[in-house]
Amino acid sequence: MGAAALLLAATGCGSTRASPAKRHLVYLAGDNPSVASVWIADVNGAHPRRLGRGMAAALSPDGSTVAVLRRNGIYPVSATGDTRGS
């Protein structure tokens, strides 16, 4: 299976009082971007979880949400993969 990787690890920034950002690796897997899947894993690649279909993805600065581009728009998805409430 071919893979197009969007390697985004969230990094903390701003005030030193802010809680640390969650760190993840977000990537696309598939031979064709039109049918690719968005995946999230620990920064070392461990514990991969499929978040669903998508042509592109971007991790929020705090690491809690992934913006997933699909044919009909951009959707926020929880980094845990939980779609309830998003």
N, C-alpha and C. Protein backbone atom coordinates (compact mmCIF):
# COMPACT_ATOMS: atom_id res chain seq x y z
N MET A 1 0.85 -1.17 0.00
CA MET A 1 0.00 0.00 0.00
C MET A 1 0.89 1.23 0.00
N GLY A 2 0.62 2.11 -0.92
CA GLY A 2 1.38 3.35 -0.97
C GLY A 2 0.94 4.27 0.16
N ALA A 3 1.75 5.19 0.53
CA ALA A 3 1.37 6.10 1.60
C ALA A 3 1.91 7.48 1.31
N ALA A 4 1.06 8.45 1.51
CA ALA A 4 1.49 9.84 1.46
C ALA A 4 1.47 10.31 2.89
N ALA A 5 2.57 10.73 3.39
CA ALA A 5 2.65 11.06 4.81
C ALA A 5 2.54 12.56 5.03
N LEU A 6 1.71 12.88 5.96
CA LEU A 6 1.61 14.25 6.45
C LEU A 6 2.07 14.15 7.89
N LEU A 7 3.33 14.41 8.11
CA LEU A 7 3.93 14.16 9.40
C LEU A 7 3.87 15.42 10.25
N LEU A 8 2.86 15.48 11.04
CA LEU A 8 2.68 16.65 11.87
C LEU A 8 2.67 16.27 13.34
N ALA A 9 3.66 16.70 14.05
CA ALA A 9 3.68 16.51 15.48
C ALA A 9 3.39 17.85 16.12
N ALA A 10 2.41 17.87 16.98
CA ALA A 10 2.06 19.13 17.63
C ALA A 10 3.17 19.53 18.59
N THR A 11 3.47 20.79 18.62
CA THR A 11 4.48 21.28 19.55
C THR A 11 3.86 22.37 20.41
N GLY A 12 4.28 22.42 21.61
CA GLY A 12 3.76 23.43 22.52
C GLY A 12 4.32 24.80 22.20
N CYS A 13 3.52 25.82 22.38
CA CYS A 13 4.00 27.16 22.17
C CYS A 13 3.20 28.10 23.07
N GLY A 14 3.66 29.30 23.19
CA GLY A 14 2.94 30.28 23.99
C GLY A 14 3.39 30.27 25.43
N SER A 15 2.47 30.54 26.31
CA SER A 15 2.73 30.68 27.74
C SER A 15 3.29 29.40 28.34
N THR A 16 4.18 29.55 29.30
CA THR A 16 4.72 28.38 29.99
C THR A 16 3.68 27.77 30.92
N ARG A 17 2.58 28.49 31.18
CA ARG A 17 1.51 27.95 32.03
C ARG A 17 0.55 27.06 31.26
N ALA A 18 0.61 27.10 29.95
CA ALA A 18 -0.30 26.27 29.15
C ALA A 18 0.06 24.80 29.33
N SER A 19 -0.96 23.96 29.30
CA SER A 19 -0.69 22.53 29.42
C SER A 19 0.06 22.06 28.17
N PRO A 20 0.87 21.03 28.31
CA PRO A 20 1.64 20.57 27.15
C PRO A 20 0.72 20.06 26.04
N ALA A 21 1.13 20.27 24.81
CA ALA A 21 0.35 19.80 23.67
C ALA A 21 0.46 18.29 23.57
N LYS A 22 -0.59 17.69 23.07
CA LYS A 22 -0.55 16.25 22.79
C LYS A 22 0.23 16.08 21.50
N ARG A 23 1.08 15.09 21.46
CA ARG A 23 1.94 14.89 20.29
C ARG A 23 1.46 13.66 19.53
N HIS A 24 1.28 13.83 18.22
CA HIS A 24 0.79 12.76 17.36
C HIS A 24 1.47 12.82 16.00
N LEU A 25 1.36 11.74 15.29
CA LEU A 25 1.75 11.63 13.89
C LEU A 25 0.46 11.44 13.11
N VAL A 26 0.19 12.30 12.14
CA VAL A 26 -1.01 12.19 11.30
C VAL A 26 -0.54 11.93 9.88
N TYR A 27 -1.15 10.93 9.23
CA TYR A 27 -0.70 10.58 7.88
C TYR A 27 -1.85 10.01 7.05
N LEU A 28 -1.63 9.99 5.74
CA LEU A 28 -2.59 9.41 4.80
C LEU A 28 -2.03 8.08 4.33
N ALA A 29 -2.91 7.10 4.17
CA ALA A 29 -2.51 5.79 3.65
C ALA A 29 -3.44 5.43 2.51
N GLY A 30 -2.86 5.00 1.40
CA GLY A 30 -3.64 4.59 0.25
C GLY A 30 -2.90 4.87 -1.04
N ASP A 31 -3.29 4.16 -2.07
CA ASP A 31 -2.64 4.32 -3.37
C ASP A 31 -3.14 5.53 -4.14
N ASN A 32 -4.31 6.04 -3.78
CA ASN A 32 -4.93 7.13 -4.51
C ASN A 32 -5.51 8.12 -3.49
N PRO A 33 -5.14 9.39 -3.56
CA PRO A 33 -5.65 10.35 -2.57
C PRO A 33 -7.18 10.42 -2.50
N SER A 34 -7.86 10.11 -3.59
CA SER A 34 -9.33 10.21 -3.57
C SER A 34 -9.97 9.12 -2.72
N VAL A 35 -9.24 8.07 -2.40
CA VAL A 35 -9.78 7.00 -1.55
C VAL A 35 -8.85 6.71 -0.36
N ALA A 36 -7.98 7.66 -0.04
CA ALA A 36 -7.03 7.47 1.06
C ALA A 36 -7.73 7.52 2.41
N SER A 37 -7.06 6.97 3.41
CA SER A 37 -7.54 7.00 4.78
C SER A 37 -6.61 7.88 5.61
N VAL A 38 -7.18 8.59 6.56
CA VAL A 38 -6.42 9.41 7.50
C VAL A 38 -6.17 8.56 8.75
N TRP A 39 -4.93 8.52 9.17
CA TRP A 39 -4.53 7.75 10.34
C TRP A 39 -3.83 8.67 11.33
N ILE A 40 -3.87 8.29 12.60
CA ILE A 40 -3.16 9.01 13.65
C ILE A 40 -2.45 7.96 14.50
N ALA A 41 -1.26 8.30 14.97
CA ALA A 41 -0.48 7.39 15.80
C ALA A 41 0.36 8.20 16.78
N ASP A 42 1.00 7.50 17.69
CA ASP A 42 1.98 8.15 18.55
C ASP A 42 3.11 8.66 17.65
N VAL A 43 3.91 9.60 18.14
CA VAL A 43 4.96 10.17 17.30
C VAL A 43 5.98 9.14 16.82
N ASN A 44 6.09 8.01 17.50
CA ASN A 44 7.01 6.96 17.07
C ASN A 44 6.33 5.94 16.15
N GLY A 45 5.06 6.19 15.79
CA GLY A 45 4.33 5.30 14.90
C GLY A 45 3.53 4.21 15.62
N ALA A 46 3.69 4.11 16.92
CA ALA A 46 2.97 3.09 17.69
C ALA A 46 1.50 3.47 17.85
N HIS A 47 0.66 2.50 18.06
CA HIS A 47 -0.78 2.67 18.32
C HIS A 47 -1.52 3.43 17.22
N PRO A 48 -1.37 3.00 15.96
CA PRO A 48 -2.09 3.68 14.87
C PRO A 48 -3.59 3.47 14.98
N ARG A 49 -4.35 4.53 14.63
CA ARG A 49 -5.82 4.48 14.63
C ARG A 49 -6.32 5.17 13.37
N ARG A 50 -7.26 4.51 12.70
CA ARG A 50 -7.85 5.09 11.49
C ARG A 50 -8.92 6.09 11.89
N LEU A 51 -8.83 7.29 11.32
CA LEU A 51 -9.82 8.33 11.60
C LEU A 51 -10.89 8.42 10.52
N GLY A 52 -10.69 7.75 9.40
CA GLY A 52 -11.68 7.78 8.32
C GLY A 52 -11.03 8.20 7.01
N ARG A 53 -11.88 8.35 6.00
CA ARG A 53 -11.39 8.77 4.68
C ARG A 53 -11.03 10.24 4.67
N GLY A 54 -10.08 10.58 3.82
CA GLY A 54 -9.71 11.97 3.67
C GLY A 54 -8.63 12.14 2.63
N MET A 55 -8.59 13.31 2.00
CA MET A 55 -7.59 13.61 0.98
C MET A 55 -6.40 14.37 1.55
N ALA A 56 -6.59 14.96 2.72
CA ALA A 56 -5.52 15.69 3.42
C ALA A 56 -5.94 15.83 4.87
N ALA A 57 -4.97 16.10 5.72
CA ALA A 57 -5.27 16.26 7.14
C ALA A 57 -4.25 17.19 7.78
N ALA A 58 -4.69 17.90 8.80
CA ALA A 58 -3.80 18.79 9.55
C ALA A 58 -4.14 18.69 11.03
N LEU A 59 -3.14 18.60 11.85
CA LEU A 59 -3.30 18.49 13.29
C LEU A 59 -3.38 19.87 13.92
N SER A 60 -4.31 20.06 14.85
CA SER A 60 -4.43 21.35 15.53
C SER A 60 -3.18 21.59 16.39
N PRO A 61 -2.89 22.85 16.70
CA PRO A 61 -1.70 23.16 17.49
C PRO A 61 -1.66 22.46 18.85
N ASP A 62 -2.83 22.24 19.46
CA ASP A 62 -2.83 21.58 20.77
C ASP A 62 -2.89 20.06 20.66
N GLY A 63 -2.98 19.53 19.44
CA GLY A 63 -2.95 18.09 19.23
C GLY A 63 -4.24 17.37 19.53
N SER A 64 -5.33 18.09 19.78
CA SER A 64 -6.58 17.44 20.16
C SER A 64 -7.53 17.18 19.00
N THR A 65 -7.32 17.85 17.87
CA THR A 65 -8.24 17.76 16.74
C THR A 65 -7.46 17.64 15.44
N VAL A 66 -8.04 16.88 14.51
CA VAL A 66 -7.47 16.76 13.18
C VAL A 66 -8.48 17.32 12.19
N ALA A 67 -8.07 18.26 11.36
CA ALA A 67 -8.93 18.78 10.30
C ALA A 67 -8.74 17.86 9.10
N VAL A 68 -9.83 17.25 8.65
CA VAL A 68 -9.78 16.27 7.57
C VAL A 68 -10.48 16.84 6.35
N LEU A 69 -9.77 16.87 5.22
CA LEU A 69 -10.34 17.34 3.96
C LEU A 69 -10.99 16.15 3.25
N ARG A 70 -12.28 16.30 2.97
CA ARG A 70 -13.02 15.32 2.19
C ARG A 70 -13.59 16.03 0.98
N ARG A 71 -14.19 15.30 0.06
CA ARG A 71 -14.69 15.91 -1.18
C ARG A 71 -15.66 17.05 -0.92
N ASN A 72 -16.45 16.97 0.11
CA ASN A 72 -17.48 17.99 0.33
C ASN A 72 -17.17 18.94 1.48
N GLY A 73 -15.92 19.04 1.89
CA GLY A 73 -15.58 20.02 2.91
C GLY A 73 -14.46 19.58 3.84
N ILE A 74 -14.23 20.41 4.85
CA ILE A 74 -13.23 20.14 5.86
C ILE A 74 -13.97 19.86 7.16
N TYR A 75 -13.59 18.77 7.82
CA TYR A 75 -14.28 18.33 9.03
C TYR A 75 -13.31 18.18 10.19
N PRO A 76 -13.69 18.69 11.37
CA PRO A 76 -12.86 18.45 12.56
C PRO A 76 -13.15 17.06 13.11
N VAL A 77 -12.10 16.31 13.41
CA VAL A 77 -12.23 14.98 13.99
C VAL A 77 -11.37 14.95 15.25
N SER A 78 -11.90 14.41 16.32
CA SER A 78 -11.14 14.29 17.54
C SER A 78 -9.91 13.43 17.29
N ALA A 79 -8.80 13.80 17.89
CA ALA A 79 -7.57 13.02 17.75
C ALA A 79 -7.72 11.63 18.36
N THR A 80 -8.72 11.43 19.21
CA THR A 80 -8.97 10.11 19.78
C THR A 80 -9.74 9.23 18.82
N GLY A 81 -10.28 9.84 17.75
CA GLY A 81 -11.10 9.09 16.80
C GLY A 81 -12.56 9.08 17.17
N ASP A 82 -12.90 9.67 18.30
CA ASP A 82 -14.29 9.72 18.76
C ASP A 82 -15.04 10.77 17.96
N THR A 83 -16.08 10.37 17.23
CA THR A 83 -16.83 11.31 16.41
C THR A 83 -18.01 11.91 17.15
N ARG A 84 -18.29 11.43 18.36
CA ARG A 84 -19.39 12.01 19.13
C ARG A 84 -19.03 13.43 19.54
N GLY A 85 -19.92 14.35 19.26
CA GLY A 85 -19.70 15.73 19.68
C GLY A 85 -18.86 16.54 18.72
N SER A 86 -18.47 15.97 17.56
CA SER A 86 -17.70 16.80 16.62
C SER A 86 -18.45 16.97 15.33
